[in-house]
Protein backbone atom coordinates (compact mmCIF):
# COMPACT_ATOMS: atom_id res chain seq x y z
CA UNK A 1 0.00 0.00 0.00
CA UNK A 2 1.51 3.31 -1.07
CA UNK A 3 1.48 6.55 0.88
CA UNK A 4 0.07 8.28 -2.21
CA UNK A 5 -2.98 6.01 -2.13
CA UNK A 6 -3.52 6.59 1.59
CA UNK A 7 -3.29 10.36 1.06
CA UNK A 8 -5.75 10.16 -1.86
CA UNK A 9 -8.23 8.25 0.33
CA UNK A 10 -7.89 10.87 3.08
CA UNK A 11 -8.55 13.61 0.55
CA UNK A 12 -11.63 11.80 -0.78
CA UNK A 13 -12.94 11.27 2.75
CA UNK A 14 -12.74 15.02 3.33
CA UNK A 15 -14.19 16.10 -0.02
CA UNK A 16 -16.92 13.55 -0.77
CA UNK A 17 -20.50 14.07 0.41
CA UNK A 18 -22.24 11.45 2.58
CA UNK A 19 -23.27 8.42 0.50
CA UNK A 20 -21.46 9.78 -2.57
CA UNK A 21 -20.07 7.06 -4.82
CA UNK A 22 -17.01 7.00 -7.05
CA UNK A 23 -16.55 4.07 -9.45
CA UNK A 24 -13.34 2.08 -9.00
CA UNK A 25 -13.76 -1.00 -11.22
CA UNK A 26 -16.33 -2.32 -13.68
CA UNK A 27 -16.16 -5.94 -14.77
CA UNK A 28 -19.03 -7.07 -16.98
CA UNK A 29 -22.21 -6.30 -15.06
CA UNK A 30 -20.46 -5.83 -11.71
CA UNK A 31 -19.37 -2.42 -10.42
CA UNK A 32 -17.09 -1.72 -7.46
CA UNK A 33 -17.46 1.78 -6.04
CA UNK A 34 -15.90 3.80 -3.27
CA UNK A 35 -18.67 5.08 -0.95
CA UNK A 36 -18.49 7.65 1.84
CA UNK A 37 -20.46 6.43 4.83
CA UNK A 38 -21.73 9.11 7.22
CA UNK A 39 -21.01 9.32 10.93
CA UNK A 40 -23.24 6.97 12.89
CA UNK A 41 -24.26 7.58 16.47
CA UNK A 42 -26.01 4.96 18.52
CA UNK A 43 -27.05 4.69 22.13
CA UNK A 44 -23.97 2.72 23.12
CA UNK A 45 -21.38 3.55 20.46
CA UNK A 46 -20.67 5.72 17.48
CA UNK A 47 -18.71 5.31 14.28
CA UNK A 48 -16.93 8.16 12.53
CA UNK A 49 -17.48 8.83 8.85
CA UNK A 50 -15.41 6.50 6.70
CA UNK A 51 -14.97 5.09 3.21
CA UNK A 52 -16.01 1.61 2.11
CA UNK A 53 -16.17 -0.42 -1.07
CA UNK A 54 -19.58 -1.25 -2.49
CA UNK A 55 -19.93 -4.20 -4.85
CA UNK A 56 -23.15 -4.21 -6.88
CA UNK A 57 -24.71 -5.11 -10.21
CA UNK A 58 -24.84 -2.23 -12.66
CA UNK A 59 -28.65 -2.28 -12.68
CA UNK A 60 -28.93 -2.28 -8.86
CA UNK A 61 -28.87 0.66 -6.49
CA UNK A 62 -27.88 -1.30 -3.39
CA UNK A 63 -24.90 -3.54 -2.98
CA UNK A 64 -22.57 -5.26 -0.57
CA UNK A 65 -20.48 -2.93 1.59
CA UNK A 66 -16.93 -4.06 2.37
CA UNK A 67 -15.20 -2.11 5.12
CA UNK A 68 -12.19 -4.19 6.17
CA UNK A 69 -9.50 -6.26 4.44
CA UNK A 70 -10.80 -9.29 6.37
CA UNK A 71 -14.28 -8.89 4.85
CA UNK A 72 -12.79 -8.72 1.36
CA UNK A 73 -10.72 -11.86 2.04
CA UNK A 74 -13.82 -13.66 3.35
CA UNK A 75 -15.77 -12.68 0.23
CA UNK A 76 -12.98 -13.87 -2.06
CA UNK A 77 -12.77 -17.22 -0.26
CA UNK A 78 -16.55 -17.67 -0.34
CA UNK A 79 -16.77 -16.93 -4.07
CA UNK A 80 -13.92 -19.33 -4.88
CA UNK A 81 -15.77 -22.36 -3.51
CA UNK A 82 -16.37 -24.73 -6.44
CA UNK A 83 -19.77 -25.71 -5.08
CA UNK A 84 -21.03 -22.23 -5.99
CA UNK A 85 -20.19 -22.84 -9.65
CA UNK A 86 -22.40 -25.93 -9.70
CA UNK A 87 -25.22 -24.19 -7.82
CA UNK A 88 -25.29 -21.14 -10.10
CA UNK A 89 -25.25 -23.32 -13.23
CA UNK A 90 -28.21 -25.30 -11.87
CA UNK A 91 -30.07 -22.10 -10.99
CA UNK A 92 -29.34 -20.63 -14.43
CA UNK A 93 -30.66 -23.73 -16.21
CA UNK A 94 -33.91 -23.54 -14.20
CA UNK A 95 -34.19 -19.83 -14.97
CA UNK A 96 -33.69 -20.47 -18.70
CA UNK A 97 -36.39 -23.19 -18.68
CA UNK A 98 -38.89 -20.87 -17.02
CA UNK A 99 -38.09 -17.87 -19.18
CA UNK A 100 -38.96 -19.64 -22.45
CA UNK A 101 -42.54 -19.00 -23.51
CA UNK A 102 -44.18 -20.94 -26.30
CA UNK A 103 -47.13 -19.55 -28.22
CA UNK A 104 -49.61 -21.44 -30.35
CA UNK A 105 -49.80 -20.44 -33.97
PDB file of N, CA and C in Angstrom:
ATOM      1  N   UNK A   1       0.854  -1.170   0.000  1.00  0.00           N
ATOM      2  CA  UNK A   1       0.000   0.000   0.000  1.00  0.00           C
ATOM      3  C   UNK A   1       0.902   1.235   0.000  1.00  0.00           C
ATOM      4  N   UNK A   2       0.652   2.128  -0.947  1.00  0.00           N
ATOM      5  CA  UNK A   2       1.509   3.306  -1.066  1.00  0.00           C
ATOM      6  C   UNK A   2       0.969   4.473  -0.246  1.00  0.00           C
ATOM      7  N   UNK A   3       1.867   5.337   0.147  1.00  0.00           N
ATOM      8  CA  UNK A   3       1.484   6.548   0.879  1.00  0.00           C
ATOM      9  C   UNK A   3       0.614   7.453   0.013  1.00  0.00           C
ATOM     10  N   UNK A   4       0.881   7.464  -1.296  1.00  0.00           N
ATOM     11  CA  UNK A   4       0.070   8.281  -2.206  1.00  0.00           C
ATOM     12  C   UNK A   4      -1.390   7.841  -2.180  1.00  0.00           C
ATOM     13  N   UNK A   5      -1.613   6.528  -2.164  1.00  0.00           N
ATOM     14  CA  UNK A   5      -2.977   6.011  -2.134  1.00  0.00           C
ATOM     15  C   UNK A   5      -3.665   6.364  -0.821  1.00  0.00           C
ATOM     16  N   UNK A   6      -2.960   6.237   0.282  1.00  0.00           N
ATOM     17  CA  UNK A   6      -3.523   6.591   1.591  1.00  0.00           C
ATOM     18  C   UNK A   6      -3.891   8.072   1.611  1.00  0.00           C
ATOM     19  N   UNK A   7      -3.022   8.913   1.096  1.00  0.00           N
ATOM     20  CA  UNK A   7      -3.293  10.356   1.060  1.00  0.00           C
ATOM     21  C   UNK A   7      -4.497  10.660   0.172  1.00  0.00           C
ATOM     22  N   UNK A   8      -4.609   9.970  -0.953  1.00  0.00           N
ATOM     23  CA  UNK A   8      -5.745  10.161  -1.859  1.00  0.00           C
ATOM     24  C   UNK A   8      -7.051   9.772  -1.169  1.00  0.00           C
ATOM     25  N   UNK A   9      -7.031   8.679  -0.400  1.00  0.00           N
ATOM     26  CA  UNK A   9      -8.230   8.246   0.328  1.00  0.00           C
ATOM     27  C   UNK A   9      -8.609   9.260   1.408  1.00  0.00           C
ATOM     28  N   UNK A  10      -7.610   9.821   2.086  1.00  0.00           N
ATOM     29  CA  UNK A  10      -7.889  10.869   3.080  1.00  0.00           C
ATOM     30  C   UNK A  10      -8.546  12.078   2.425  1.00  0.00           C
ATOM     31  N   UNK A  11      -8.014  12.465   1.282  1.00  0.00           N
ATOM     32  CA  UNK A  11      -8.555  13.610   0.550  1.00  0.00           C
ATOM     33  C   UNK A  11     -10.003  13.340   0.125  1.00  0.00           C
ATOM     34  N   UNK A  12     -10.268  12.142  -0.376  1.00  0.00           N
ATOM     35  CA  UNK A  12     -11.633  11.795  -0.780  1.00  0.00           C
ATOM     36  C   UNK A  12     -12.580  11.780   0.416  1.00  0.00           C
ATOM     37  N   UNK A  13     -12.115  11.278   1.549  1.00  0.00           N
ATOM     38  CA  UNK A  13     -12.942  11.266   2.754  1.00  0.00           C
ATOM     39  C   UNK A  13     -13.354  12.683   3.138  1.00  0.00           C
ATOM     40  N   UNK A  14     -12.450  13.632   2.970  1.00  0.00           N
ATOM     41  CA  UNK A  14     -12.743  15.022   3.335  1.00  0.00           C
ATOM     42  C   UNK A  14     -13.570  15.763   2.290  1.00  0.00           C
ATOM     43  N   UNK A  15     -13.514  15.342   1.033  1.00  0.00           N
ATOM     44  CA  UNK A  15     -14.192  16.104  -0.022  1.00  0.00           C
ATOM     45  C   UNK A  15     -15.507  15.490  -0.490  1.00  0.00           C
ATOM     46  N   UNK A  16     -15.686  14.190  -0.306  1.00  0.00           N
ATOM     47  CA  UNK A  16     -16.922  13.552  -0.768  1.00  0.00           C
ATOM     48  C   UNK A  16     -18.081  13.867   0.173  1.00  0.00           C
ATOM     49  N   UNK A  17     -19.296  13.899  -0.400  1.00  0.00           N
ATOM     50  CA  UNK A  17     -20.504  14.066   0.409  1.00  0.00           C
ATOM     51  C   UNK A  17     -20.922  12.705   0.971  1.00  0.00           C
ATOM     52  N   UNK A  18     -21.736  12.702   2.021  1.00  0.00           N
ATOM     53  CA  UNK A  18     -22.242  11.451   2.582  1.00  0.00           C
ATOM     54  C   UNK A  18     -22.964  10.655   1.506  1.00  0.00           C
ATOM     55  N   UNK A  19     -22.685   9.379   1.438  1.00  0.00           N
ATOM     56  CA  UNK A  19     -23.268   8.421   0.496  1.00  0.00           C
ATOM     57  C   UNK A  19     -22.862   8.655  -0.957  1.00  0.00           C
ATOM     58  N   UNK A  20     -21.945   9.573  -1.201  1.00  0.00           N
ATOM     59  CA  UNK A  20     -21.463   9.780  -2.571  1.00  0.00           C
ATOM     60  C   UNK A  20     -20.650   8.562  -2.997  1.00  0.00           C
ATOM     61  N   UNK A  21     -20.765   8.227  -4.275  1.00  0.00           N
ATOM     62  CA  UNK A  21     -20.066   7.059  -4.820  1.00  0.00           C
ATOM     63  C   UNK A  21     -19.103   7.480  -5.919  1.00  0.00           C
ATOM     64  N   UNK A  22     -17.983   6.797  -5.972  1.00  0.00           N
ATOM     65  CA  UNK A  22     -17.009   6.997  -7.051  1.00  0.00           C
ATOM     66  C   UNK A  22     -16.647   5.614  -7.592  1.00  0.00           C
ATOM     67  N   UNK A  23     -16.863   5.383  -8.896  1.00  0.00           N
ATOM     68  CA  UNK A  23     -16.545   4.067  -9.455  1.00  0.00           C
ATOM     69  C   UNK A  23     -15.052   3.767  -9.397  1.00  0.00           C
ATOM     70  N   UNK A  24     -14.727   2.524  -9.082  1.00  0.00           N
ATOM     71  CA  UNK A  24     -13.337   2.080  -8.999  1.00  0.00           C
ATOM     72  C   UNK A  24     -13.046   1.060 -10.101  1.00  0.00           C
ATOM     73  N   UNK A  25     -13.943   0.078 -10.247  1.00  0.00           N
ATOM     74  CA  UNK A  25     -13.756  -1.002 -11.218  1.00  0.00           C
ATOM     75  C   UNK A  25     -15.118  -1.399 -11.780  1.00  0.00           C
ATOM     76  N   UNK A  26     -15.144  -1.716 -13.075  1.00  0.00           N
ATOM     77  CA  UNK A  26     -16.330  -2.320 -13.680  1.00  0.00           C
ATOM     78  C   UNK A  26     -15.864  -3.553 -14.430  1.00  0.00           C
ATOM     79  N   UNK A  27     -16.495  -4.680 -14.117  1.00  0.00           N
ATOM     80  CA  UNK A  27     -16.162  -5.945 -14.774  1.00  0.00           C
ATOM     81  C   UNK A  27     -17.472  -6.590 -15.209  1.00  0.00           C
ATOM     82  N   UNK A  28     -17.761  -6.537 -16.494  1.00  0.00           N
ATOM     83  CA  UNK A  28     -19.030  -7.072 -16.980  1.00  0.00           C
ATOM     84  C   UNK A  28     -20.181  -6.280 -16.398  1.00  0.00           C
ATOM     85  N   UNK A  29     -21.053  -6.963 -15.662  1.00  0.00           N
ATOM     86  CA  UNK A  29     -22.214  -6.303 -15.061  1.00  0.00           C
ATOM     87  C   UNK A  29     -21.983  -5.916 -13.604  1.00  0.00           C
ATOM     88  N   UNK A  30     -20.778  -6.115 -13.110  1.00  0.00           N
ATOM     89  CA  UNK A  30     -20.462  -5.826 -11.708  1.00  0.00           C
ATOM     90  C   UNK A  30     -19.661  -4.535 -11.610  1.00  0.00           C
ATOM     91  N   UNK A  31     -20.060  -3.687 -10.656  1.00  0.00           N
ATOM     92  CA  UNK A  31     -19.374  -2.418 -10.419  1.00  0.00           C
ATOM     93  C   UNK A  31     -18.875  -2.401  -8.975  1.00  0.00           C
ATOM     94  N   UNK A  32     -17.643  -1.947  -8.796  1.00  0.00           N
ATOM     95  CA  UNK A  32     -17.090  -1.722  -7.460  1.00  0.00           C
ATOM     96  C   UNK A  32     -16.913  -0.220  -7.319  1.00  0.00           C
ATOM     97  N   UNK A  33     -17.512   0.336  -6.265  1.00  0.00           N
ATOM     98  CA  UNK A  33     -17.458   1.780  -6.043  1.00  0.00           C
ATOM     99  C   UNK A  33     -16.903   2.087  -4.661  1.00  0.00           C
ATOM    100  N   UNK A  34     -16.312   3.262  -4.548  1.00  0.00           N
ATOM    101  CA  UNK A  34     -15.898   3.801  -3.266  1.00  0.00           C
ATOM    102  C   UNK A  34     -17.074   4.629  -2.756  1.00  0.00           C
ATOM    103  N   UNK A  35     -17.509   4.399  -1.516  1.00  0.00           N
ATOM    104  CA  UNK A  35     -18.671   5.084  -0.950  1.00  0.00           C
ATOM    105  C   UNK A  35     -18.273   5.735   0.366  1.00  0.00           C
ATOM    106  N   UNK A  36     -18.731   6.982   0.557  1.00  0.00           N
ATOM    107  CA  UNK A  36     -18.489   7.647   1.843  1.00  0.00           C
ATOM    108  C   UNK A  36     -19.685   7.389   2.751  1.00  0.00           C
ATOM    109  N   UNK A  37     -19.422   6.718   3.860  1.00  0.00           N
ATOM    110  CA  UNK A  37     -20.463   6.428   4.834  1.00  0.00           C
ATOM    111  C   UNK A  37     -20.470   7.521   5.896  1.00  0.00           C
ATOM    112  N   UNK A  38     -21.654   8.016   6.252  1.00  0.00           N
ATOM    113  CA  UNK A  38     -21.726   9.115   7.224  1.00  0.00           C
ATOM    114  C   UNK A  38     -21.426   8.648   8.649  1.00  0.00           C
ATOM    115  N   UNK A  39     -21.204   9.616   9.508  1.00  0.00           N
ATOM    116  CA  UNK A  39     -21.007   9.323  10.928  1.00  0.00           C
ATOM    117  C   UNK A  39     -22.278   8.672  11.457  1.00  0.00           C
ATOM    118  N   UNK A  40     -22.099   7.677  12.329  1.00  0.00           N
ATOM    119  CA  UNK A  40     -23.244   6.967  12.887  1.00  0.00           C
ATOM    120  C   UNK A  40     -23.165   7.009  14.395  1.00  0.00           C
ATOM    121  N   UNK A  41     -24.226   7.511  15.002  1.00  0.00           N
ATOM    122  CA  UNK A  41     -24.260   7.577  16.466  1.00  0.00           C
ATOM    123  C   UNK A  41     -25.381   6.701  16.984  1.00  0.00           C
ATOM    124  N   UNK A  42     -25.031   5.831  17.894  1.00  0.00           N
ATOM    125  CA  UNK A  42     -26.014   4.959  18.520  1.00  0.00           C
ATOM    126  C   UNK A  42     -26.090   5.252  20.003  1.00  0.00           C
ATOM    127  N   UNK A  43     -26.912   4.491  20.689  1.00  0.00           N
ATOM    128  CA  UNK A  43     -27.052   4.690  22.130  1.00  0.00           C
ATOM    129  C   UNK A  43     -25.790   4.284  22.878  1.00  0.00           C
ATOM    130  N   UNK A  44     -25.130   3.235  22.390  1.00  0.00           N
ATOM    131  CA  UNK A  44     -23.973   2.725  23.121  1.00  0.00           C
ATOM    132  C   UNK A  44     -22.638   3.030  22.458  1.00  0.00           C
ATOM    133  N   UNK A  45     -22.653   3.269  21.148  1.00  0.00           N
ATOM    134  CA  UNK A  45     -21.384   3.555  20.465  1.00  0.00           C
ATOM    135  C   UNK A  45     -21.639   4.393  19.226  1.00  0.00           C
ATOM    136  N   UNK A  46     -20.565   4.949  18.725  1.00  0.00           N
ATOM    137  CA  UNK A  46     -20.674   5.720  17.484  1.00  0.00           C
ATOM    138  C   UNK A  46     -19.523   5.340  16.563  1.00  0.00           C
ATOM    139  N   UNK A  47     -19.748   5.575  15.272  1.00  0.00           N
ATOM    140  CA  UNK A  47     -18.707   5.313  14.277  1.00  0.00           C
ATOM    141  C   UNK A  47     -18.472   6.577  13.487  1.00  0.00           C
ATOM    142  N   UNK A  48     -17.215   6.953  13.313  1.00  0.00           N
ATOM    143  CA  UNK A  48     -16.932   8.159  12.532  1.00  0.00           C
ATOM    144  C   UNK A  48     -17.214   7.905  11.050  1.00  0.00           C
ATOM    145  N   UNK A  49     -17.320   8.993  10.297  1.00  0.00           N
ATOM    146  CA  UNK A  49     -17.485   8.827   8.853  1.00  0.00           C
ATOM    147  C   UNK A  49     -16.277   8.084   8.301  1.00  0.00           C
ATOM    148  N   UNK A  50     -16.509   7.267   7.276  1.00  0.00           N
ATOM    149  CA  UNK A  50     -15.411   6.499   6.697  1.00  0.00           C
ATOM    150  C   UNK A  50     -15.764   6.084   5.275  1.00  0.00           C
ATOM    151  N   UNK A  51     -14.779   5.563   4.577  1.00  0.00           N
ATOM    152  CA  UNK A  51     -14.967   5.086   3.214  1.00  0.00           C
ATOM    153  C   UNK A  51     -15.090   3.567   3.226  1.00  0.00           C
ATOM    154  N   UNK A  52     -15.854   3.053   2.267  1.00  0.00           N
ATOM    155  CA  UNK A  52     -16.006   1.607   2.111  1.00  0.00           C
ATOM    156  C   UNK A  52     -16.105   1.291   0.626  1.00  0.00           C
ATOM    157  N   UNK A  53     -15.941   0.030   0.302  1.00  0.00           N
ATOM    158  CA  UNK A  53     -16.167  -0.422  -1.067  1.00  0.00           C
ATOM    159  C   UNK A  53     -17.574  -0.996  -1.155  1.00  0.00           C
ATOM    160  N   UNK A  54     -18.279  -0.658  -2.235  1.00  0.00           N
ATOM    161  CA  UNK A  54     -19.584  -1.254  -2.491  1.00  0.00           C
ATOM    162  C   UNK A  54     -19.484  -2.070  -3.772  1.00  0.00           C
ATOM    163  N   UNK A  55     -19.912  -3.312  -3.693  1.00  0.00           N
ATOM    164  CA  UNK A  55     -19.933  -4.195  -4.853  1.00  0.00           C
ATOM    165  C   UNK A  55     -21.397  -4.404  -5.213  1.00  0.00           C
ATOM    166  N   UNK A  56     -21.750  -4.089  -6.476  1.00  0.00           N
ATOM    167  CA  UNK A  56     -23.150  -4.208  -6.884  1.00  0.00           C
ATOM    168  C   UNK A  56     -23.250  -4.513  -8.371  1.00  0.00           C
ATOM    169  N   UNK A  57     -24.427  -4.947  -8.779  1.00  0.00           N
ATOM    170  CA  UNK A  57     -24.714  -5.107 -10.207  1.00  0.00           C
ATOM    171  C   UNK A  57     -24.958  -3.725 -10.783  1.00  0.00           C
ATOM    172  N   UNK A  58     -24.685  -3.541 -12.053  1.00  0.00           N
ATOM    173  CA  UNK A  58     -24.837  -2.228 -12.657  1.00  0.00           C
ATOM    174  C   UNK A  58     -26.285  -1.753 -12.676  1.00  0.00           C
ATOM    175  N   UNK A  59     -27.250  -2.670 -12.656  1.00  0.00           N
ATOM    176  CA  UNK A  59     -28.653  -2.277 -12.678  1.00  0.00           C
ATOM    177  C   UNK A  59     -29.273  -2.209 -11.278  1.00  0.00           C
ATOM    178  N   UNK A  60     -28.450  -2.323 -10.240  1.00  0.00           N
ATOM    179  CA  UNK A  60     -28.934  -2.281  -8.861  1.00  0.00           C
ATOM    180  C   UNK A  60     -28.456  -1.006  -8.178  1.00  0.00           C
ATOM    181  N   UNK A  61     -29.262  -0.520  -7.253  1.00  0.00           N
ATOM    182  CA  UNK A  61     -28.866   0.659  -6.489  1.00  0.00           C
ATOM    183  C   UNK A  61     -28.087   0.248  -5.242  1.00  0.00           C
ATOM    184  N   UNK A  62     -28.530  -0.817  -4.608  1.00  0.00           N
ATOM    185  CA  UNK A  62     -27.878  -1.301  -3.391  1.00  0.00           C
ATOM    186  C   UNK A  62     -26.828  -2.344  -3.721  1.00  0.00           C
ATOM    187  N   UNK A  63     -25.944  -2.546  -2.771  1.00  0.00           N
ATOM    188  CA  UNK A  63     -24.903  -3.543  -2.983  1.00  0.00           C
ATOM    189  C   UNK A  63     -24.365  -4.048  -1.664  1.00  0.00           C
ATOM    190  N   UNK A  64     -23.243  -4.698  -1.734  1.00  0.00           N
ATOM    191  CA  UNK A  64     -22.573  -5.258  -0.569  1.00  0.00           C
ATOM    192  C   UNK A  64     -21.454  -4.316  -0.152  1.00  0.00           C
ATOM    193  N   UNK A  65     -21.514  -3.834   1.087  1.00  0.00           N
ATOM    194  CA  UNK A  65     -20.480  -2.929   1.594  1.00  0.00           C
ATOM    195  C   UNK A  65     -19.349  -3.733   2.223  1.00  0.00           C
ATOM    196  N   UNK A  66     -18.133  -3.424   1.829  1.00  0.00           N
ATOM    197  CA  UNK A  66     -16.932  -4.058   2.365  1.00  0.00           C
ATOM    198  C   UNK A  66     -16.117  -2.967   3.049  1.00  0.00           C
ATOM    199  N   UNK A  67     -15.886  -3.137   4.352  1.00  0.00           N
ATOM    200  CA  UNK A  67     -15.203  -2.105   5.125  1.00  0.00           C
ATOM    201  C   UNK A  67     -13.766  -2.491   5.470  1.00  0.00           C
ATOM    202  N   UNK A  68     -13.524  -3.779   5.696  1.00  0.00           N
ATOM    203  CA  UNK A  68     -12.193  -4.188   6.167  1.00  0.00           C
ATOM    204  C   UNK A  68     -11.533  -5.163   5.196  1.00  0.00           C
ATOM    205  N   UNK A  69     -10.205  -5.269   5.271  1.00  0.00           N
ATOM    206  CA  UNK A  69      -9.501  -6.263   4.444  1.00  0.00           C
ATOM    207  C   UNK A  69      -9.966  -7.693   4.749  1.00  0.00           C
ATOM    208  N   UNK A  70     -10.329  -7.958   5.996  1.00  0.00           N
ATOM    209  CA  UNK A  70     -10.801  -9.288   6.369  1.00  0.00           C
ATOM    210  C   UNK A  70     -12.103  -9.624   5.658  1.00  0.00           C
ATOM    211  N   UNK A  71     -13.011  -8.646   5.555  1.00  0.00           N
ATOM    212  CA  UNK A  71     -14.277  -8.885   4.855  1.00  0.00           C
ATOM    213  C   UNK A  71     -14.034  -9.186   3.377  1.00  0.00           C
ATOM    214  N   UNK A  72     -13.111  -8.473   2.765  1.00  0.00           N
ATOM    215  CA  UNK A  72     -12.785  -8.720   1.360  1.00  0.00           C
ATOM    216  C   UNK A  72     -12.181 -10.112   1.183  1.00  0.00           C
ATOM    217  N   UNK A  73     -11.296 -10.515   2.093  1.00  0.00           N
ATOM    218  CA  UNK A  73     -10.715 -11.863   2.037  1.00  0.00           C
ATOM    219  C   UNK A  73     -11.794 -12.934   2.201  1.00  0.00           C
ATOM    220  N   UNK A  74     -12.723 -12.710   3.147  1.00  0.00           N
ATOM    221  CA  UNK A  74     -13.817 -13.664   3.355  1.00  0.00           C
ATOM    222  C   UNK A  74     -14.676 -13.789   2.098  1.00  0.00           C
ATOM    223  N   UNK A  75     -14.964 -12.668   1.457  1.00  0.00           N
ATOM    224  CA  UNK A  75     -15.765 -12.683   0.233  1.00  0.00           C
ATOM    225  C   UNK A  75     -15.043 -13.438  -0.876  1.00  0.00           C
ATOM    226  N   UNK A  76     -13.765 -13.164  -1.038  1.00  0.00           N
ATOM    227  CA  UNK A  76     -12.977 -13.874  -2.062  1.00  0.00           C
ATOM    228  C   UNK A  76     -12.987 -15.385  -1.826  1.00  0.00           C
ATOM    229  N   UNK A  77     -12.777 -15.788  -0.573  1.00  0.00           N
ATOM    230  CA  UNK A  77     -12.772 -17.222  -0.258  1.00  0.00           C
ATOM    231  C   UNK A  77     -14.143 -17.844  -0.528  1.00  0.00           C
ATOM    232  N   UNK A  78     -15.194 -17.144  -0.138  1.00  0.00           N
ATOM    233  CA  UNK A  78     -16.550 -17.670  -0.338  1.00  0.00           C
ATOM    234  C   UNK A  78     -16.868 -17.828  -1.823  1.00  0.00           C
ATOM    235  N   UNK A  79     -16.460 -16.866  -2.638  1.00  0.00           N
ATOM    236  CA  UNK A  79     -16.767 -16.926  -4.068  1.00  0.00           C
ATOM    237  C   UNK A  79     -15.906 -17.940  -4.813  1.00  0.00           C
ATOM    238  N   UNK A  80     -14.797 -18.355  -4.234  1.00  0.00           N
ATOM    239  CA  UNK A  80     -13.916 -19.328  -4.882  1.00  0.00           C
ATOM    240  C   UNK A  80     -14.277 -20.780  -4.575  1.00  0.00           C
ATOM    241  N   UNK A  81     -15.337 -20.996  -3.810  1.00  0.00           N
ATOM    242  CA  UNK A  81     -15.772 -22.359  -3.505  1.00  0.00           C
ATOM    243  C   UNK A  81     -16.405 -22.955  -4.763  1.00  0.00           C
ATOM    244  N   UNK A  82     -15.903 -24.110  -5.195  1.00  0.00           N
ATOM    245  CA  UNK A  82     -16.373 -24.730  -6.439  1.00  0.00           C
ATOM    246  C   UNK A  82     -17.851 -25.086  -6.395  1.00  0.00           C
ATOM    247  N   UNK A  83     -18.355 -25.360  -5.222  1.00  0.00           N
ATOM    248  CA  UNK A  83     -19.767 -25.715  -5.079  1.00  0.00           C
ATOM    249  C   UNK A  83     -20.663 -24.596  -5.621  1.00  0.00           C
ATOM    250  N   UNK A  84     -20.235 -23.348  -5.481  1.00  0.00           N
ATOM    251  CA  UNK A  84     -21.028 -22.227  -5.986  1.00  0.00           C
ATOM    252  C   UNK A  84     -21.153 -22.266  -7.501  1.00  0.00           C
ATOM    253  N   UNK A  85     -20.112 -22.716  -8.194  1.00  0.00           N
ATOM    254  CA  UNK A  85     -20.186 -22.841  -9.654  1.00  0.00           C
ATOM    255  C   UNK A  85     -21.303 -23.797 -10.053  1.00  0.00           C
ATOM    256  N   UNK A  86     -21.371 -24.946  -9.387  1.00  0.00           N
ATOM    257  CA  UNK A  86     -22.404 -25.932  -9.697  1.00  0.00           C
ATOM    258  C   UNK A  86     -23.797 -25.391  -9.372  1.00  0.00           C
ATOM    259  N   UNK A  87     -23.916 -24.721  -8.233  1.00  0.00           N
ATOM    260  CA  UNK A  87     -25.217 -24.187  -7.824  1.00  0.00           C
ATOM    261  C   UNK A  87     -25.702 -23.134  -8.811  1.00  0.00           C
ATOM    262  N   UNK A  88     -24.843 -22.204  -9.203  1.00  0.00           N
ATOM    263  CA  UNK A  88     -25.285 -21.136 -10.095  1.00  0.00           C
ATOM    264  C   UNK A  88     -25.629 -21.677 -11.474  1.00  0.00           C
ATOM    265  N   UNK A  89     -24.911 -22.701 -11.935  1.00  0.00           N
ATOM    266  CA  UNK A  89     -25.245 -23.321 -13.228  1.00  0.00           C
ATOM    267  C   UNK A  89     -26.611 -23.997 -13.161  1.00  0.00           C
ATOM    268  N   UNK A  90     -26.900 -24.672 -12.049  1.00  0.00           N
ATOM    269  CA  UNK A  90     -28.208 -25.304 -11.874  1.00  0.00           C
ATOM    270  C   UNK A  90     -29.310 -24.252 -11.820  1.00  0.00           C
ATOM    271  N   UNK A  91     -29.078 -23.183 -11.076  1.00  0.00           N
ATOM    272  CA  UNK A  91     -30.066 -22.101 -10.994  1.00  0.00           C
ATOM    273  C   UNK A  91     -30.298 -21.471 -12.356  1.00  0.00           C
ATOM    274  N   UNK A  92     -29.228 -21.264 -13.108  1.00  0.00           N
ATOM    275  CA  UNK A  92     -29.337 -20.633 -14.426  1.00  0.00           C
ATOM    276  C   UNK A  92     -30.127 -21.521 -15.389  1.00  0.00           C
ATOM    277  N   UNK A  93     -29.921 -22.833 -15.317  1.00  0.00           N
ATOM    278  CA  UNK A  93     -30.663 -23.725 -16.214  1.00  0.00           C
ATOM    279  C   UNK A  93     -32.156 -23.709 -15.879  1.00  0.00           C
ATOM    280  N   UNK A  94     -32.503 -23.645 -14.597  1.00  0.00           N
ATOM    281  CA  UNK A  94     -33.912 -23.536 -14.198  1.00  0.00           C
ATOM    282  C   UNK A  94     -34.486 -22.214 -14.680  1.00  0.00           C
ATOM    283  N   UNK A  95     -33.735 -21.153 -14.522  1.00  0.00           N
ATOM    284  CA  UNK A  95     -34.187 -19.831 -14.975  1.00  0.00           C
ATOM    285  C   UNK A  95     -34.457 -19.845 -16.474  1.00  0.00           C
ATOM    286  N   UNK A  96     -33.538 -20.416 -17.242  1.00  0.00           N
ATOM    287  CA  UNK A  96     -33.694 -20.471 -18.699  1.00  0.00           C
ATOM    288  C   UNK A  96     -34.934 -21.266 -19.090  1.00  0.00           C
ATOM    289  N   UNK A  97     -35.194 -22.387 -18.389  1.00  0.00           N
ATOM    290  CA  UNK A  97     -36.390 -23.185 -18.678  1.00  0.00           C
ATOM    291  C   UNK A  97     -37.656 -22.372 -18.454  1.00  0.00           C
ATOM    292  N   UNK A  98     -37.684 -21.627 -17.378  1.00  0.00           N
ATOM    293  CA  UNK A  98     -38.886 -20.874 -17.018  1.00  0.00           C
ATOM    294  C   UNK A  98     -39.059 -19.613 -17.841  1.00  0.00           C
ATOM    295  N   UNK A  99     -37.986 -19.119 -18.434  1.00  0.00           N
ATOM    296  CA  UNK A  99     -38.090 -17.868 -19.183  1.00  0.00           C
ATOM    297  C   UNK A  99     -38.489 -18.087 -20.641  1.00  0.00           C
ATOM    298  N   UNK A 100     -38.544 -19.339 -21.079  1.00  0.00           N
ATOM    299  CA  UNK A 100     -38.958 -19.638 -22.453  1.00  0.00           C
ATOM    300  C   UNK A 100     -40.475 -19.746 -22.491  1.00  0.00           C
ATOM    301  N   UNK A 101     -41.087 -18.954 -23.345  1.00  0.00           N
ATOM    302  CA  UNK A 101     -42.538 -19.000 -23.505  1.00  0.00           C
ATOM    303  C   UNK A 101     -42.858 -19.484 -24.909  1.00  0.00           C
ATOM    304  N   UNK A 102     -43.767 -20.438 -24.998  1.00  0.00           N
ATOM    305  CA  UNK A 102     -44.181 -20.939 -26.299  1.00  0.00           C
ATOM    306  C   UNK A 102     -45.593 -20.452 -26.578  1.00  0.00           C
ATOM    307  N   UNK A 103     -45.818 -20.035 -27.797  1.00  0.00           N
ATOM    308  CA  UNK A 103     -47.125 -19.551 -28.216  1.00  0.00           C
ATOM    309  C   UNK A 103     -47.677 -20.461 -29.306  1.00  0.00           C
ATOM    310  N   UNK A 104     -48.982 -20.655 -29.289  1.00  0.00           N
ATOM    311  CA  UNK A 104     -49.607 -21.444 -30.347  1.00  0.00           C
ATOM    312  C   UNK A 104     -49.795 -20.577 -31.569  1.00  0.00           C
ATOM    313  N   UNK A 105     -49.634 -21.176 -32.716  1.00  0.00           N
ATOM    314  CA  UNK A 105     -49.802 -20.439 -33.973  1.00  0.00           C
ATOM    315  C   UNK A 105     -51.162 -20.654 -34.565  1.00  0.00           C
TER     316      UNK A 105
END
